[in-house]
């Protein structure tokens, strides 16, 4: 279950890649704009502000996220749906997905399906985290595989992976003009709370399936969480009241030219 409040921690850091992605989409008057994996909808609402004449839709698999999005009362059609089942209609001129595709294994096939359905001249723009080999994720998955936790978390903690910007560009280049790049942000997370800030960050995303695996076992989750916090504190020591948290992201803006070959 997604928790909009937990996900909303570090909102400035999480929203910056979205704004930098969308800034590279030069569409002037799209008919329809779709945000796949829209989360709590605050960023989707900015798409409606940028393209006020467009029909803007936000789609997310989490009913909790969509409920939060609808409460914004923005001029956006928010609906619950699985992005894996989405097919663009002929009027979709801008398709955006921000920090969602990493949850879909082998999502390049999904990208190809979307490109094939989009009209010539449409824009496909997405951003995915590329930090899955970071010390933070090493700590999450090493601990999950340790003797103490493997019986609960074995097979649950799946290390995700995404292609490089070059690989994405090569995959889409036969049908699109592609702008692809990678950025490593160094987030300075406040270190003045009881929990380590990187732990607080991970609770909004990567730790969701692990928390779900513990179910009603609150003591087990608390013990895992405490042990993970110790490892994260060693990997990201607090300096100047901050944890310095490098975070790599991969961006692609593709302008559809024709059919993939």
Protein backbone atom coordinates (compact mmCIF):
# COMPACT_ATOMS: atom_id res chain seq x y z
CA UNK A 1 0.00 0.00 0.00
CA UNK A 2 1.31 3.43 -0.95
CA UNK A 3 1.15 6.12 1.72
CA UNK A 4 0.95 9.61 0.16
CA UNK A 5 2.23 11.24 3.36
CA UNK A 6 5.30 9.00 3.59
CA UNK A 7 5.99 9.34 -0.14
CA UNK A 8 5.65 13.11 0.20
CA UNK A 9 8.67 13.38 2.49
CA UNK A 10 11.49 15.25 0.74
CA UNK A 11 8.97 16.65 -1.74
CA UNK A 12 11.40 19.21 -3.17
CA UNK A 13 14.02 16.56 -3.89
CA UNK A 14 11.50 14.17 -5.45
CA UNK A 15 9.80 16.83 -7.60
CA UNK A 16 12.91 18.41 -9.09
CA UNK A 17 13.54 15.61 -11.65
CA UNK A 18 9.91 15.84 -12.82
CA UNK A 19 10.20 19.55 -13.51
CA UNK A 20 13.53 19.11 -15.29
CA UNK A 21 12.04 16.33 -17.43
CA UNK A 22 8.91 18.25 -18.42
CA UNK A 23 10.93 21.39 -19.19
CA UNK A 24 12.49 19.49 -22.09
CA UNK A 25 9.11 18.75 -23.75
CA UNK A 26 8.52 21.54 -26.30
CA UNK A 27 4.89 20.60 -27.12
CA UNK A 28 2.82 23.76 -27.58
CA UNK A 29 -0.85 22.76 -27.70
CA UNK A 30 -1.27 19.02 -27.02
CA UNK A 31 -4.77 17.57 -27.17
CA UNK A 32 -4.27 15.06 -24.36
CA UNK A 33 -1.54 14.78 -21.74
CA UNK A 34 -1.26 11.59 -19.66
CA UNK A 35 0.82 11.09 -16.53
CA UNK A 36 1.38 7.39 -15.85
CA UNK A 37 2.19 6.59 -12.23
CA UNK A 38 0.96 10.01 -11.16
CA UNK A 39 1.15 9.35 -7.41
CA UNK A 40 -0.56 11.98 -5.24
CA UNK A 41 -1.17 14.21 -8.26
CA UNK A 42 0.60 17.39 -7.18
CA UNK A 43 3.04 17.23 -10.08
CA UNK A 44 0.34 16.20 -12.56
CA UNK A 45 -1.56 19.36 -11.66
CA UNK A 46 1.38 21.39 -12.97
CA UNK A 47 0.85 19.79 -16.39
CA UNK A 48 -2.68 21.18 -16.45
CA UNK A 49 -1.30 24.61 -15.60
CA UNK A 50 1.25 24.42 -18.40
CA UNK A 51 -1.20 23.13 -21.03
CA UNK A 52 -4.58 24.54 -19.94
CA UNK A 53 -6.34 23.64 -23.20
CA UNK A 54 -5.37 19.96 -22.97
CA UNK A 55 -7.30 17.10 -21.43
CA UNK A 56 -4.92 16.02 -18.66
CA UNK A 57 -5.18 12.56 -17.13
CA UNK A 58 -3.35 11.03 -14.18
CA UNK A 59 -3.25 7.26 -13.74
CA UNK A 60 -1.88 5.32 -10.78
CA UNK A 61 -2.33 1.78 -9.48
CA UNK A 62 -2.73 2.97 -5.88
CA UNK A 63 -6.25 3.85 -4.79
CA UNK A 64 -4.75 5.77 -1.86
CA UNK A 65 -2.67 7.93 -4.19
CA UNK A 66 -5.62 8.62 -6.49
CA UNK A 67 -7.81 9.57 -3.53
CA UNK A 68 -5.15 12.07 -2.48
CA UNK A 69 -4.88 13.37 -6.04
CA UNK A 70 -8.62 13.88 -6.40
CA UNK A 71 -8.67 15.89 -3.18
CA UNK A 72 -6.52 18.50 -4.92
CA UNK A 73 -9.54 19.54 -7.00
CA UNK A 74 -7.23 20.14 -9.97
CA UNK A 75 -8.50 20.18 -13.58
CA UNK A 76 -7.20 16.64 -14.09
CA UNK A 77 -8.99 13.33 -14.63
CA UNK A 78 -7.42 11.07 -11.99
CA UNK A 79 -8.16 7.34 -12.28
CA UNK A 80 -6.90 4.09 -10.79
CA UNK A 81 -5.19 1.94 -13.39
CA UNK A 82 -2.16 -0.19 -14.18
CA UNK A 83 0.29 1.51 -16.50
CA UNK A 84 1.20 -1.91 -17.91
CA UNK A 85 -2.27 -2.11 -19.39
CA UNK A 86 -2.38 1.44 -20.75
CA UNK A 87 -2.60 2.05 -24.49
CA UNK A 88 -2.50 5.66 -25.73
CA UNK A 89 -5.57 6.81 -27.61
CA UNK A 90 -5.04 8.68 -30.91
CA UNK A 91 -5.42 12.06 -29.18
CA UNK A 92 -2.53 11.60 -26.72
CA UNK A 93 0.21 14.02 -27.72
CA UNK A 94 2.25 13.96 -24.50
CA UNK A 95 2.85 10.85 -22.39
CA UNK A 96 4.79 11.31 -19.15
CA UNK A 97 5.97 8.78 -16.58
CA UNK A 98 7.97 9.95 -13.58
CA UNK A 99 9.76 7.45 -11.31
CA UNK A 100 7.33 4.61 -12.05
CA UNK A 101 8.74 2.39 -14.80
CA UNK A 102 11.47 1.00 -12.55
CA UNK A 103 8.75 -1.11 -10.89
CA UNK A 104 8.04 -2.85 -14.23
CA UNK A 105 10.58 -5.53 -15.25
CA UNK A 106 11.60 -5.39 -18.93
CA UNK A 107 9.64 -2.19 -19.44
CA UNK A 108 11.39 -1.46 -22.74
CA UNK A 109 8.75 -3.63 -24.43
CA UNK A 110 6.10 -1.43 -22.84
CA UNK A 111 7.82 1.69 -24.18
CA UNK A 112 7.83 0.19 -27.67
CA UNK A 113 4.10 -0.51 -27.43
CA UNK A 114 3.39 3.06 -26.39
CA UNK A 115 5.53 4.50 -29.19
CA UNK A 116 3.74 2.31 -31.73
CA UNK A 117 0.37 3.64 -30.54
CA UNK A 118 1.32 7.32 -30.28
CA UNK A 119 0.71 9.58 -33.30
CA UNK A 120 3.63 11.01 -35.23
CA UNK A 121 4.70 14.22 -33.51
CA UNK A 122 3.78 13.02 -30.02
CA UNK A 123 6.17 13.16 -27.07
CA UNK A 124 7.10 10.36 -24.68
CA UNK A 125 9.01 11.55 -21.61
CA UNK A 126 10.05 9.48 -18.61
CA UNK A 127 12.45 9.49 -15.72
CA UNK A 128 13.57 6.54 -13.61
CA UNK A 129 15.85 6.24 -10.59
CA UNK A 130 19.19 4.73 -11.49
CA UNK A 131 20.65 4.33 -8.02
CA UNK A 132 19.98 0.62 -7.44
CA UNK A 133 23.65 -0.18 -6.96
CA UNK A 134 24.05 2.53 -4.30
CA UNK A 135 25.18 1.79 -0.73
CA UNK A 136 21.59 2.40 0.40
CA UNK A 137 20.21 -0.37 -1.78
CA UNK A 138 23.16 -2.63 -1.01
CA UNK A 139 22.23 -2.32 2.66
CA UNK A 140 18.54 -3.04 2.04
CA UNK A 141 19.12 -6.19 0.03
CA UNK A 142 22.10 -7.55 1.95
CA UNK A 143 20.14 -7.30 5.17
CA UNK A 144 17.09 -8.94 3.61
CA UNK A 145 19.25 -11.89 2.58
CA UNK A 146 20.92 -12.23 5.97
CA UNK A 147 20.16 -15.35 8.05
CA UNK A 148 18.00 -13.39 10.49
CA UNK A 149 15.61 -12.05 7.83
CA UNK A 150 15.83 -14.37 4.83
CA UNK A 151 12.91 -16.55 5.92
CA UNK A 152 10.63 -13.48 5.87
CA UNK A 153 12.15 -11.47 3.06
CA UNK A 154 13.70 -14.03 0.73
CA UNK A 155 12.38 -13.26 -2.75
CA UNK A 156 10.54 -10.16 -1.53
CA UNK A 157 13.42 -7.71 -1.67
CA UNK A 158 14.01 -7.61 -5.42
CA UNK A 159 16.87 -5.41 -6.55
CA UNK A 160 15.51 -3.40 -9.45
CA UNK A 161 17.55 -2.33 -12.45
CA UNK A 162 17.05 0.06 -15.33
CA UNK A 163 18.88 0.56 -18.63
CA UNK A 164 21.35 3.38 -19.10
CA UNK A 165 20.42 6.54 -20.98
CA UNK A 166 22.41 5.23 -23.93
CA UNK A 167 20.51 1.94 -23.94
CA UNK A 168 17.15 3.70 -23.83
CA UNK A 169 18.19 5.98 -26.68
CA UNK A 170 19.34 3.05 -28.81
CA UNK A 171 16.11 1.19 -28.12
CA UNK A 172 13.90 4.06 -29.30
CA UNK A 173 16.07 5.69 -31.97
CA UNK A 174 14.54 3.90 -34.97
CA UNK A 175 11.18 5.59 -34.38
CA UNK A 176 12.01 8.69 -32.34
CA UNK A 177 14.31 11.64 -32.07
CA UNK A 178 15.69 10.97 -28.60
CA UNK A 179 17.10 13.26 -25.95
CA UNK A 180 18.51 11.07 -23.15
CA UNK A 181 20.69 11.98 -20.21
CA UNK A 182 21.66 11.04 -16.67
CA UNK A 183 21.97 13.27 -13.63
CA UNK A 184 23.34 12.52 -10.19
CA UNK A 185 21.81 14.76 -7.55
CA UNK A 186 23.53 15.12 -4.20
CA UNK A 187 20.64 15.52 -1.78
CA UNK A 188 21.49 17.11 1.55
CA UNK A 189 18.97 15.45 3.84
CA UNK A 190 18.42 16.97 7.30
CA UNK A 191 19.96 14.77 9.98
CA UNK A 192 18.30 16.20 13.07
CA UNK A 193 15.55 13.60 13.58
CA UNK A 194 15.57 10.29 15.45
CA UNK A 195 15.58 8.28 12.20
CA UNK A 196 18.43 8.41 9.74
CA UNK A 197 17.21 10.55 6.79
CA UNK A 198 18.12 7.98 4.14
CA UNK A 199 15.96 5.46 6.01
CA UNK A 200 13.11 7.97 5.95
CA UNK A 201 13.65 8.42 2.21
CA UNK A 202 13.61 4.69 1.48
CA UNK A 203 10.42 4.13 3.47
CA UNK A 204 8.54 6.08 0.79
CA UNK A 205 9.63 3.76 -2.04
CA UNK A 206 12.08 0.85 -1.90
CA UNK A 207 11.05 -0.39 1.55
CA UNK A 208 7.34 -0.65 0.71
CA UNK A 209 7.39 -4.35 -0.31
CA UNK A 210 9.59 -5.18 2.68
CA UNK A 211 7.24 -3.46 5.09
CA UNK A 212 4.32 -5.32 3.51
CA UNK A 213 6.08 -8.67 3.98
CA UNK A 214 6.13 -8.18 7.75
CA UNK A 215 2.35 -7.67 7.78
CA UNK A 216 1.08 -7.40 11.35
CA UNK A 217 4.50 -8.28 12.80
CA UNK A 218 5.27 -4.78 14.04
CA UNK A 219 8.12 -5.98 16.25
CA UNK A 220 9.82 -7.72 13.33
CA UNK A 221 9.51 -4.66 11.12
CA UNK A 222 10.84 -2.43 13.90
CA UNK A 223 13.85 -4.70 14.40
CA UNK A 224 14.64 -4.87 10.67
CA UNK A 225 14.19 -1.12 10.39
CA UNK A 226 16.53 -0.44 13.34
CA UNK A 227 19.23 -2.71 11.93
CA UNK A 228 18.93 -1.11 8.51
CA UNK A 229 19.17 2.33 10.09
CA UNK A 230 22.50 1.38 11.65
CA UNK A 231 23.88 0.27 8.29
CA UNK A 232 22.68 3.43 6.58
CA UNK A 233 24.21 5.58 9.31
CA UNK A 234 27.56 3.93 8.61
CA UNK A 235 27.20 4.36 4.83
CA UNK A 236 25.94 7.95 5.01
CA UNK A 237 27.42 9.60 8.10
CA UNK A 238 25.85 12.83 9.28
CA UNK A 239 28.11 15.78 8.49
CA UNK A 240 27.20 19.39 9.15
CA UNK A 241 23.79 18.15 10.35
CA UNK A 242 23.14 16.58 6.95
CA UNK A 243 23.38 13.24 5.22
CA UNK A 244 24.92 13.64 1.78
CA UNK A 245 22.87 11.31 -0.42
CA UNK A 246 23.95 10.93 -4.09
CA UNK A 247 21.04 9.88 -6.27
CA UNK A 248 21.40 9.03 -9.96
CA UNK A 249 18.43 9.40 -12.31
CA UNK A 250 17.94 8.56 -15.99
CA UNK A 251 15.89 10.82 -18.28
CA UNK A 252 14.45 10.30 -21.77
CA UNK A 253 12.42 12.64 -23.96
CA UNK A 254 11.44 10.98 -27.23
CA UNK A 255 9.73 12.73 -30.16
CA UNK A 256 7.81 10.14 -32.17
CA UNK A 257 8.71 10.16 -35.87
CA UNK A 258 7.27 6.88 -37.14
CA UNK A 259 7.10 3.14 -36.53
CA UNK A 260 9.78 1.24 -34.64
CA UNK A 261 11.94 -1.01 -36.80
